[in-house]
PDB file of N, CA and C in Angstrom:
ATOM      1  N   MET A   1      14.971  55.106  24.353  1.00  0.00           N
ATOM      2  CA  MET A   1      14.362  55.343  23.133  1.00  0.00           C
ATOM      3  C   MET A   1      13.213  54.232  23.150  1.00  0.00           C
ATOM      4  N   ASP A   2      12.105  54.514  22.350  1.00  0.00           N
ATOM      5  CA  ASP A   2      11.084  53.536  21.974  1.00  0.00           C
ATOM      6  C   ASP A   2      11.565  52.587  21.025  1.00  0.00           C
ATOM      7  N   LYS A   3      10.827  51.380  21.055  1.00  0.00           N
ATOM      8  CA  LYS A   3      11.272  50.204  19.921  1.00  0.00           C
ATOM      9  C   LYS A   3      10.276  50.194  18.852  1.00  0.00           C
ATOM     10  N   LEU A   4      10.520  49.936  17.981  1.00  0.00           N
ATOM     11  CA  LEU A   4       9.775  49.439  16.683  1.00  0.00           C
ATOM     12  C   LEU A   4       9.476  47.903  16.689  1.00  0.00           C
ATOM     13  N   ILE A   5       8.230  47.764  17.221  1.00  0.00           N
ATOM     14  CA  ILE A   5       7.761  46.312  17.549  1.00  0.00           C
ATOM     15  C   ILE A   5       6.941  45.855  16.224  1.00  0.00           C
ATOM     16  N   ILE A   6       7.501  44.678  15.612  1.00  0.00           N
ATOM     17  CA  ILE A   6       6.789  44.082  14.642  1.00  0.00           C
ATOM     18  C   ILE A   6       6.220  42.817  14.902  1.00  0.00           C
ATOM     19  N   THR A   7       4.785  42.593  14.783  1.00  0.00           N
ATOM     20  CA  THR A   7       4.229  41.363  15.214  1.00  0.00           C
ATOM     21  C   THR A   7       4.105  40.289  13.907  1.00  0.00           C
ATOM     22  N   ALA A   8       4.898  39.501  14.168  1.00  0.00           N
ATOM     23  CA  ALA A   8       4.886  38.352  13.214  1.00  0.00           C
ATOM     24  C   ALA A   8       3.431  38.002  12.647  1.00  0.00           C
ATOM     25  N   ASP A   9       3.668  37.619  11.243  1.00  0.00           N
ATOM     26  CA  ASP A   9       2.362  37.152  10.406  1.00  0.00           C
ATOM     27  C   ASP A   9       2.887  36.553   9.270  1.00  0.00           C
ATOM     28  N   LYS A  10       2.454  35.153   9.263  1.00  0.00           N
ATOM     29  CA  LYS A  10       2.701  34.443   7.860  1.00  0.00           C
ATOM     30  C   LYS A  10       1.686  34.640   6.792  1.00  0.00           C
ATOM     31  N   GLU A  11       1.057  35.447   7.000  1.00  0.00           N
ATOM     32  CA  GLU A  11      -0.322  35.597   6.087  1.00  0.00           C
ATOM     33  C   GLU A  11      -0.200  36.811   5.331  1.00  0.00           C
ATOM     34  N   GLU A  12       0.990  37.351   5.160  1.00  0.00           N
ATOM     35  CA  GLU A  12       1.426  38.720   4.562  1.00  0.00           C
ATOM     36  C   GLU A  12       0.893  38.710   3.127  1.00  0.00           C
ATOM     37  N   LYS A  13       0.117  39.588   2.631  1.00  0.00           N
ATOM     38  CA  LYS A  13       0.071  39.568   1.037  1.00  0.00           C
ATOM     39  C   LYS A  13       1.312  40.093   0.253  1.00  0.00           C
ATOM     40  N   ASN A  14       1.305  39.594  -0.769  1.00  0.00           N
ATOM     41  CA  ASN A  14       2.403  39.954  -1.676  1.00  0.00           C
ATOM     42  C   ASN A  14       2.116  41.457  -2.087  1.00  0.00           C
ATOM     43  N   THR A  15       3.298  42.349  -2.128  1.00  0.00           N
ATOM     44  CA  THR A  15       3.192  43.720  -2.702  1.00  0.00           C
ATOM     45  C   THR A  15       4.152  43.865  -3.702  1.00  0.00           C
ATOM     46  N   SER A  16       4.136  44.763  -4.584  1.00  0.00           N
ATOM     47  CA  SER A  16       5.080  44.993  -5.673  1.00  0.00           C
ATOM     48  C   SER A  16       5.472  46.624  -5.242  1.00  0.00           C
ATOM     49  N   THR A  17       6.605  46.783  -4.593  1.00  0.00           N
ATOM     50  CA  THR A  17       7.069  48.170  -4.297  1.00  0.00           C
ATOM     51  C   THR A  17       8.454  48.094  -4.558  1.00  0.00           C
ATOM     52  N   LEU A  18       9.039  49.060  -5.079  1.00  0.00           N
ATOM     53  CA  LEU A  18      10.474  49.473  -5.342  1.00  0.00           C
ATOM     54  C   LEU A  18      11.166  50.549  -4.453  1.00  0.00           C
ATOM     55  N   ILE A  19      11.990  50.402  -3.608  1.00  0.00           N
ATOM     56  CA  ILE A  19      12.590  51.325  -2.662  1.00  0.00           C
ATOM     57  C   ILE A  19      13.768  51.040  -2.757  1.00  0.00           C
ATOM     58  N   ARG A  20      14.736  52.012  -3.211  1.00  0.00           N
ATOM     59  CA  ARG A  20      16.242  51.690  -3.314  1.00  0.00           C
ATOM     60  C   ARG A  20      16.942  52.196  -1.810  1.00  0.00           C
ATOM     61  N   VAL A  21      17.664  51.124  -1.388  1.00  0.00           N
ATOM     62  CA  VAL A  21      18.401  51.269  -0.125  1.00  0.00           C
ATOM     63  C   VAL A  21      19.908  50.768  -0.184  1.00  0.00           C
ATOM     64  N   SER A  22      20.666  51.108   0.538  1.00  0.00           N
ATOM     65  CA  SER A  22      21.809  50.594   0.926  1.00  0.00           C
ATOM     66  C   SER A  22      21.928  49.126   0.992  1.00  0.00           C
ATOM     67  N   ASN A  23      23.089  48.150   0.601  1.00  0.00           N
ATOM     68  CA  ASN A  23      22.994  46.900   0.789  1.00  0.00           C
ATOM     69  C   ASN A  23      23.114  46.545   2.395  1.00  0.00           C
ATOM     70  N   LYS A  24      23.676  47.564   3.131  1.00  0.00           N
ATOM     71  CA  LYS A  24      23.509  47.240   4.686  1.00  0.00           C
ATOM     72  C   LYS A  24      22.044  47.174   5.179  1.00  0.00           C
ATOM     73  N   ALA A  25      21.421  48.440   4.668  1.00  0.00           N
ATOM     74  CA  ALA A  25      19.775  48.515   4.905  1.00  0.00           C
ATOM     75  C   ALA A  25      19.017  47.282   4.511  1.00  0.00           C
ATOM     76  N   ASN A  26      19.282  46.730   3.353  1.00  0.00           N
ATOM     77  CA  ASN A  26      18.560  45.783   2.875  1.00  0.00           C
ATOM     78  C   ASN A  26      18.807  44.653   3.658  1.00  0.00           C
ATOM     79  N   ALA A  27      19.863  44.293   3.942  1.00  0.00           N
ATOM     80  CA  ALA A  27      20.064  43.177   4.730  1.00  0.00           C
ATOM     81  C   ALA A  27      19.415  43.065   6.011  1.00  0.00           C
ATOM     82  N   LEU A  28      19.336  44.332   6.690  1.00  0.00           N
ATOM     83  CA  LEU A  28      18.659  44.401   8.032  1.00  0.00           C
ATOM     84  C   LEU A  28      17.245  44.225   7.930  1.00  0.00           C
ATOM     85  N   VAL A  29      16.776  44.955   6.899  1.00  0.00           N
ATOM     86  CA  VAL A  29      15.277  44.670   6.331  1.00  0.00           C
ATOM     87  C   VAL A  29      14.789  43.173   6.213  1.00  0.00           C
ATOM     88  N   ASP A  30      15.770  42.613   5.390  1.00  0.00           N
ATOM     89  CA  ASP A  30      15.674  41.207   4.855  1.00  0.00           C
ATOM     90  C   ASP A  30      15.584  40.469   6.192  1.00  0.00           C
ATOM     91  N   ASP A  31      16.542  40.522   7.091  1.00  0.00           N
ATOM     92  CA  ASP A  31      16.648  39.586   8.210  1.00  0.00           C
ATOM     93  C   ASP A  31      15.153  39.968   9.262  1.00  0.00           C
ATOM     94  N   LEU A  32      14.923  41.146   9.145  1.00  0.00           N
ATOM     95  CA  LEU A  32      13.630  41.167   9.851  1.00  0.00           C
ATOM     96  C   LEU A  32      12.331  40.656   9.325  1.00  0.00           C
ATOM     97  N   ALA A  33      12.384  40.829   7.951  1.00  0.00           N
ATOM     98  CA  ALA A  33      11.174  40.128   7.118  1.00  0.00           C
ATOM     99  C   ALA A  33      11.237  38.612   7.430  1.00  0.00           C
ATOM    100  N   LYS A  34      12.246  38.217   7.254  1.00  0.00           N
ATOM    101  CA  LYS A  34      12.510  36.598   7.461  1.00  0.00           C
ATOM    102  C   LYS A  34      11.979  36.060   8.857  1.00  0.00           C
ATOM    103  N   ARG A  35      12.549  37.075   9.957  1.00  0.00           N
ATOM    104  CA  ARG A  35      12.262  36.517  11.181  1.00  0.00           C
ATOM    105  C   ARG A  35      10.614  36.880  11.527  1.00  0.00           C
ATOM    106  N   SER A  36      10.119  37.732  10.838  1.00  0.00           N
ATOM    107  CA  SER A  36       8.823  38.249  11.270  1.00  0.00           C
ATOM    108  C   SER A  36       7.504  37.612  10.458  1.00  0.00           C
ATOM    109  N   GLY A  37       8.174  37.299   9.168  1.00  0.00           N
ATOM    110  CA  GLY A  37       7.083  36.674   8.084  1.00  0.00           C
ATOM    111  C   GLY A  37       6.404  37.716   7.394  1.00  0.00           C
ATOM    112  N   ARG A  38       6.794  38.900   7.673  1.00  0.00           N
ATOM    113  CA  ARG A  38       6.160  40.301   7.097  1.00  0.00           C
ATOM    114  C   ARG A  38       7.056  40.639   6.009  1.00  0.00           C
ATOM    115  N   SER A  39       6.552  41.326   5.054  1.00  0.00           N
ATOM    116  CA  SER A  39       7.162  41.711   3.643  1.00  0.00           C
ATOM    117  C   SER A  39       8.163  42.778   4.039  1.00  0.00           C
ATOM    118  N   LYS A  40       9.147  42.899   3.152  1.00  0.00           N
ATOM    119  CA  LYS A  40       9.921  44.188   3.361  1.00  0.00           C
ATOM    120  C   LYS A  40       9.114  45.507   3.125  1.00  0.00           C
ATOM    121  N   ALA A  41       7.974  45.686   2.316  1.00  0.00           N
ATOM    122  CA  ALA A  41       7.359  46.989   2.214  1.00  0.00           C
ATOM    123  C   ALA A  41       6.806  47.223   3.400  1.00  0.00           C
ATOM    124  N   TYR A  42       6.081  46.115   4.094  1.00  0.00           N
ATOM    125  CA  TYR A  42       5.410  46.336   5.328  1.00  0.00           C
ATOM    126  C   TYR A  42       6.744  46.864   6.519  1.00  0.00           C
ATOM    127  N   ILE A  43       7.551  46.223   6.546  1.00  0.00           N
ATOM    128  CA  ILE A  43       8.825  46.569   7.601  1.00  0.00           C
ATOM    129  C   ILE A  43       9.217  47.961   7.285  1.00  0.00           C
ATOM    130  N   LEU A  44       9.316  48.143   6.060  1.00  0.00           N
ATOM    131  CA  LEU A  44      10.049  49.732   5.412  1.00  0.00           C
ATOM    132  C   LEU A  44       8.884  50.638   5.931  1.00  0.00           C
ATOM    133  N   GLY A  45       7.680  50.178   5.751  1.00  0.00           N
ATOM    134  CA  GLY A  45       6.771  51.363   5.990  1.00  0.00           C
ATOM    135  C   GLY A  45       6.668  51.654   7.413  1.00  0.00           C
ATOM    136  N   LYS A  46       6.806  50.598   8.336  1.00  0.00           N
ATOM    137  CA  LYS A  46       6.589  50.773   9.733  1.00  0.00           C
ATOM    138  C   LYS A  46       7.846  51.609  10.391  1.00  0.00           C
ATOM    139  N   MET A  47       8.882  51.281   9.608  1.00  0.00           N
ATOM    140  CA  MET A  47      10.220  51.980  10.000  1.00  0.00           C
ATOM    141  C   MET A  47       9.956  53.487   9.634  1.00  0.00           C
ATOM    142  N   ILE A  48       9.674  53.822   8.554  1.00  0.00           N
ATOM    143  CA  ILE A  48       9.478  55.101   7.910  1.00  0.00           C
ATOM    144  C   ILE A  48       8.405  55.799   8.959  1.00  0.00           C
ATOM    145  N   GLU A  49       7.328  55.206   9.295  1.00  0.00           N
ATOM    146  CA  GLU A  49       6.173  55.792  10.296  1.00  0.00           C
ATOM    147  C   GLU A  49       7.085  56.088  11.548  1.00  0.00           C
ATOM    148  N   PHE A  50       7.709  55.110  12.091  1.00  0.00           N
ATOM    149  CA  PHE A  50       8.396  55.276  13.335  1.00  0.00           C
ATOM    150  C   PHE A  50       9.394  56.459  13.378  1.00  0.00           C
ATOM    151  N   ALA A  51      10.195  56.403  12.291  1.00  0.00           N
ATOM    152  CA  ALA A  51      11.178  57.471  12.060  1.00  0.00           C
ATOM    153  C   ALA A  51      10.462  58.626  11.924  1.00  0.00           C
ATOM    154  N   TYR A  52       9.291  58.770  11.320  1.00  0.00           N
ATOM    155  CA  TYR A  52       8.906  60.252  11.238  1.00  0.00           C
ATOM    156  C   TYR A  52       8.088  60.747  12.363  1.00  0.00           C
ATOM    157  N   GLU A  53       7.526  59.829  13.193  1.00  0.00           N
ATOM    158  CA  GLU A  53       6.973  60.238  14.553  1.00  0.00           C
ATOM    159  C   GLU A  53       8.146  60.568  15.434  1.00  0.00           C
ATOM    160  N   HIS A  54       9.337  60.196  15.480  1.00  0.00           N
ATOM    161  CA  HIS A  54      10.402  60.422  16.252  1.00  0.00           C
ATOM    162  C   HIS A  54      11.474  61.239  15.744  1.00  0.00           C
ATOM    163  N   SER A  55      11.108  62.153  14.740  1.00  0.00           N
ATOM    164  CA  SER A  55      11.911  63.264  14.105  1.00  0.00           C
ATOM    165  C   SER A  55      11.806  64.436  14.530  1.00  0.00           C
ATOM    166  N   GLU A  56      12.796  65.097  14.324  1.00  0.00           N
ATOM    167  CA  GLU A  56      12.805  66.609  14.775  1.00  0.00           C
ATOM    168  C   GLU A  56      13.658  67.322  13.507  1.00  0.00           C
ATOM    169  N   VAL A  57      12.980  68.373  13.070  1.00  0.00           N
ATOM    170  CA  VAL A  57      13.705  69.042  11.893  1.00  0.00           C
ATOM    171  C   VAL A  57      14.261  70.394  12.676  1.00  0.00           C
ATOM    172  N   THR A  58      15.529  70.556  12.378  1.00  0.00           N
ATOM    173  CA  THR A  58      16.345  71.944  13.006  1.00  0.00           C
ATOM    174  C   THR A  58      16.687  72.763  11.936  1.00  0.00           C
ATOM    175  N   GLY A  59      16.637  73.988  12.157  1.00  0.00           N
ATOM    176  CA  GLY A  59      17.122  74.960  11.253  1.00  0.00           C
ATOM    177  C   GLY A  59      16.138  75.120   9.931  1.00  0.00           C
ATOM    178  N   GLU A  60      15.026  74.736  10.142  1.00  0.00           N
ATOM    179  CA  GLU A  60      13.963  75.160   9.171  1.00  0.00           C
ATOM    180  C   GLU A  60      13.746  76.582   9.167  1.00  0.00           C
ATOM    181  N   GLU A  61      13.782  77.306   7.898  1.00  0.00           N
ATOM    182  CA  GLU A  61      13.522  78.682   7.954  1.00  0.00           C
ATOM    183  C   GLU A  61      12.317  78.870   7.554  1.00  0.00           C
ATOM    184  N   GLU A  62      11.443  79.714   8.208  1.00  0.00           N
ATOM    185  CA  GLU A  62       9.970  79.986   8.132  1.00  0.00           C
ATOM    186  C   GLU A  62       9.940  80.727   6.629  1.00  0.00           C
ATOM    187  N   GLN A  63       8.742  80.060   5.968  1.00  0.00           N
ATOM    188  CA  GLN A  63       8.577  80.731   4.846  1.00  0.00           C
ATOM    189  C   GLN A  63       7.321  81.375   4.674  1.00  0.00           C
TER     190      GLN A  63
END
């Protein structure tokens, strides 16, 4: 499977975004944010884009 690659950047701008996630998901995102120097908003945005591009919906009814 492809990997989500996050390039470290210590010059990340501050953002104000509220996203509710589980404690475990928050800890994982926090770890990546600390290791990469990127904001949690950036990390989650990249994760969502990656997941969307690698998602498949089954059982959708045609409307």
